[in-house]
Amino acid sequence: MDRGSRSKDALLDAAERLIAERGFEVPLRE
């Protein structure tokens, strides 16, 4: 696994957590 895709996954995880905390359900992954 290269560092670029790992950091992208980390950003998606963080974004999903922030969205969930605000009560939104937004699937960022396909």
PDB file of N, CA and C in Angstrom:
ATOM      1  N   MET A   1       0.855  -1.204   0.000  1.00  0.00           N
ATOM      2  CA  MET A   1       0.000   0.000   0.000  1.00  0.00           C
ATOM      3  C   MET A   1       0.885   1.246   0.000  1.00  0.00           C
ATOM      4  N   ASP A   2       0.630   2.130  -0.944  1.00  0.00           N
ATOM      5  CA  ASP A   2       1.463   3.334  -0.982  1.00  0.00           C
ATOM      6  C   ASP A   2       0.897   4.394  -0.047  1.00  0.00           C
ATOM      7  N   ARG A   3       1.735   5.354   0.299  1.00  0.00           N
ATOM      8  CA  ARG A   3       1.348   6.340   1.313  1.00  0.00           C
ATOM      9  C   ARG A   3       0.212   7.227   0.819  1.00  0.00           C
ATOM     10  N   GLY A   4       0.150   7.486  -0.486  1.00  0.00           N
ATOM     11  CA  GLY A   4      -0.899   8.363  -1.003  1.00  0.00           C
ATOM     12  C   GLY A   4      -2.284   7.799  -0.756  1.00  0.00           C
ATOM     13  N   SER A   5      -2.475   6.503  -1.052  1.00  0.00           N
ATOM     14  CA  SER A   5      -3.811   5.933  -0.875  1.00  0.00           C
ATOM     15  C   SER A   5      -4.135   5.794   0.608  1.00  0.00           C
ATOM     16  N   ARG A   6      -3.108   5.540   1.437  1.00  0.00           N
ATOM     17  CA  ARG A   6      -3.369   5.428   2.873  1.00  0.00           C
ATOM     18  C   ARG A   6      -3.814   6.757   3.456  1.00  0.00           C
ATOM     19  N   SER A   7      -3.165   7.847   3.055  1.00  0.00           N
ATOM     20  CA  SER A   7      -3.558   9.153   3.600  1.00  0.00           C
ATOM     21  C   SER A   7      -4.927   9.545   3.061  1.00  0.00           C
ATOM     22  N   LYS A   8      -5.249   9.121   1.832  1.00  0.00           N
ATOM     23  CA  LYS A   8      -6.580   9.409   1.288  1.00  0.00           C
ATOM     24  C   LYS A   8      -7.639   8.674   2.111  1.00  0.00           C
ATOM     25  N   ASP A   9      -7.367   7.419   2.460  1.00  0.00           N
ATOM     26  CA  ASP A   9      -8.302   6.670   3.290  1.00  0.00           C
ATOM     27  C   ASP A   9      -8.463   7.344   4.648  1.00  0.00           C
ATOM     28  N   ALA A  10      -7.369   7.841   5.206  1.00  0.00           N
ATOM     29  CA  ALA A  10      -7.433   8.506   6.504  1.00  0.00           C
ATOM     30  C   ALA A  10      -8.279   9.774   6.408  1.00  0.00           C
ATOM     31  N   LEU A  11      -8.135  10.510   5.313  1.00  0.00           N
ATOM     32  CA  LEU A  11      -8.940  11.727   5.131  1.00  0.00           C
ATOM     33  C   LEU A  11     -10.413  11.365   5.002  1.00  0.00           C
ATOM     34  N   LEU A  12     -10.712  10.292   4.261  1.00  0.00           N
ATOM     35  CA  LEU A  12     -12.106   9.870   4.111  1.00  0.00           C
ATOM     36  C   LEU A  12     -12.675   9.455   5.462  1.00  0.00           C
ATOM     37  N   ASP A  13     -11.890   8.707   6.249  1.00  0.00           N
ATOM     38  CA  ASP A  13     -12.361   8.294   7.569  1.00  0.00           C
ATOM     39  C   ASP A  13     -12.662   9.511   8.433  1.00  0.00           C
ATOM     40  N   ALA A  14     -11.776  10.493   8.427  1.00  0.00           N
ATOM     41  CA  ALA A  14     -11.976  11.693   9.232  1.00  0.00           C
ATOM     42  C   ALA A  14     -13.208  12.458   8.756  1.00  0.00           C
ATOM     43  N   ALA A  15     -13.371  12.568   7.442  1.00  0.00           N
ATOM     44  CA  ALA A  15     -14.529  13.285   6.901  1.00  0.00           C
ATOM     45  C   ALA A  15     -15.815  12.568   7.279  1.00  0.00           C
ATOM     46  N   GLU A  16     -15.814  11.236   7.179  1.00  0.00           N
ATOM     47  CA  GLU A  16     -17.015  10.479   7.539  1.00  0.00           C
ATOM     48  C   GLU A  16     -17.352  10.673   9.009  1.00  0.00           C
ATOM     49  N   ARG A  17     -16.323  10.715   9.868  1.00  0.00           N
ATOM     50  CA  ARG A  17     -16.579  10.925  11.296  1.00  0.00           C
ATOM     51  C   ARG A  17     -17.180  12.306  11.536  1.00  0.00           C
ATOM     52  N   LEU A  18     -16.620  13.341  10.900  1.00  0.00           N
ATOM     53  CA  LEU A  18     -17.139  14.701  11.076  1.00  0.00           C
ATOM     54  C   LEU A  18     -18.583  14.783  10.594  1.00  0.00           C
ATOM     55  N   ILE A  19     -18.861  14.183   9.441  1.00  0.00           N
ATOM     56  CA  ILE A  19     -20.222  14.203   8.892  1.00  0.00           C
ATOM     57  C   ILE A  19     -21.171  13.482   9.848  1.00  0.00           C
ATOM     58  N   ALA A  20     -20.756  12.331  10.362  1.00  0.00           N
ATOM     59  CA  ALA A  20     -21.608  11.563  11.268  1.00  0.00           C
ATOM     60  C   ALA A  20     -21.896  12.365  12.539  1.00  0.00           C
ATOM     61  N   GLU A  21     -20.899  13.089  13.036  1.00  0.00           N
ATOM     62  CA  GLU A  21     -21.098  13.882  14.249  1.00  0.00           C
ATOM     63  C   GLU A  21     -22.136  14.971  14.028  1.00  0.00           C
ATOM     64  N   ARG A  22     -22.257  15.433  12.782  1.00  0.00           N
ATOM     65  CA  ARG A  22     -23.232  16.488  12.501  1.00  0.00           C
ATOM     66  C   ARG A  22     -24.584  15.912  12.098  1.00  0.00           C
ATOM     67  N   GLY A  23     -24.699  14.594  12.105  1.00  0.00           N
ATOM     68  CA  GLY A  23     -25.995  13.974  11.849  1.00  0.00           C
ATOM     69  C   GLY A  23     -26.303  13.747  10.382  1.00  0.00           C
ATOM     70  N   PHE A  24     -25.301  13.852   9.521  1.00  0.00           N
ATOM     71  CA  PHE A  24     -25.534  13.605   8.098  1.00  0.00           C
ATOM     72  C   PHE A  24     -25.072  12.203   7.736  1.00  0.00           C
ATOM     73  N   GLU A  25     -25.800  11.581   6.814  1.00  0.00           N
ATOM     74  CA  GLU A  25     -25.378  10.275   6.304  1.00  0.00           C
ATOM     75  C   GLU A  25     -24.960  10.471   4.858  1.00  0.00           C
ATOM     76  N   VAL A  26     -23.668  10.595   4.634  1.00  0.00           N
ATOM     77  CA  VAL A  26     -23.184  10.812   3.273  1.00  0.00           C
ATOM     78  C   VAL A  26     -22.127   9.765   2.941  1.00  0.00           C
ATOM     79  N   PRO A  27     -22.469   8.798   2.114  1.00  0.00           N
ATOM     80  CA  PRO A  27     -21.473   7.791   1.732  1.00  0.00           C
ATOM     81  C   PRO A  27     -20.416   8.399   0.815  1.00  0.00           C
ATOM     82  N   LEU A  28     -19.166   8.428   1.280  1.00  0.00           N
ATOM     83  CA  LEU A  28     -18.099   9.022   0.477  1.00  0.00           C
ATOM     84  C   LEU A  28     -17.416   7.972  -0.387  1.00  0.00           C
ATOM     85  N   ARG A  29     -17.582   6.710  -0.007  1.00  0.00           N
ATOM     86  CA  ARG A  29     -16.945   5.632  -0.768  1.00  0.00           C
ATOM     87  C   ARG A  29     -17.961   4.956  -1.654  1.00  0.00           C
ATOM     88  N   GLU A  30     -17.485   4.362  -2.737  1.00  0.00           N
ATOM     89  CA  GLU A  30     -18.396   3.654  -3.638  1.00  0.00           C
ATOM     90  C   GLU A  30     -18.451   2.194  -3.248  1.00  0.00           C
TER      91      GLU A  30
END
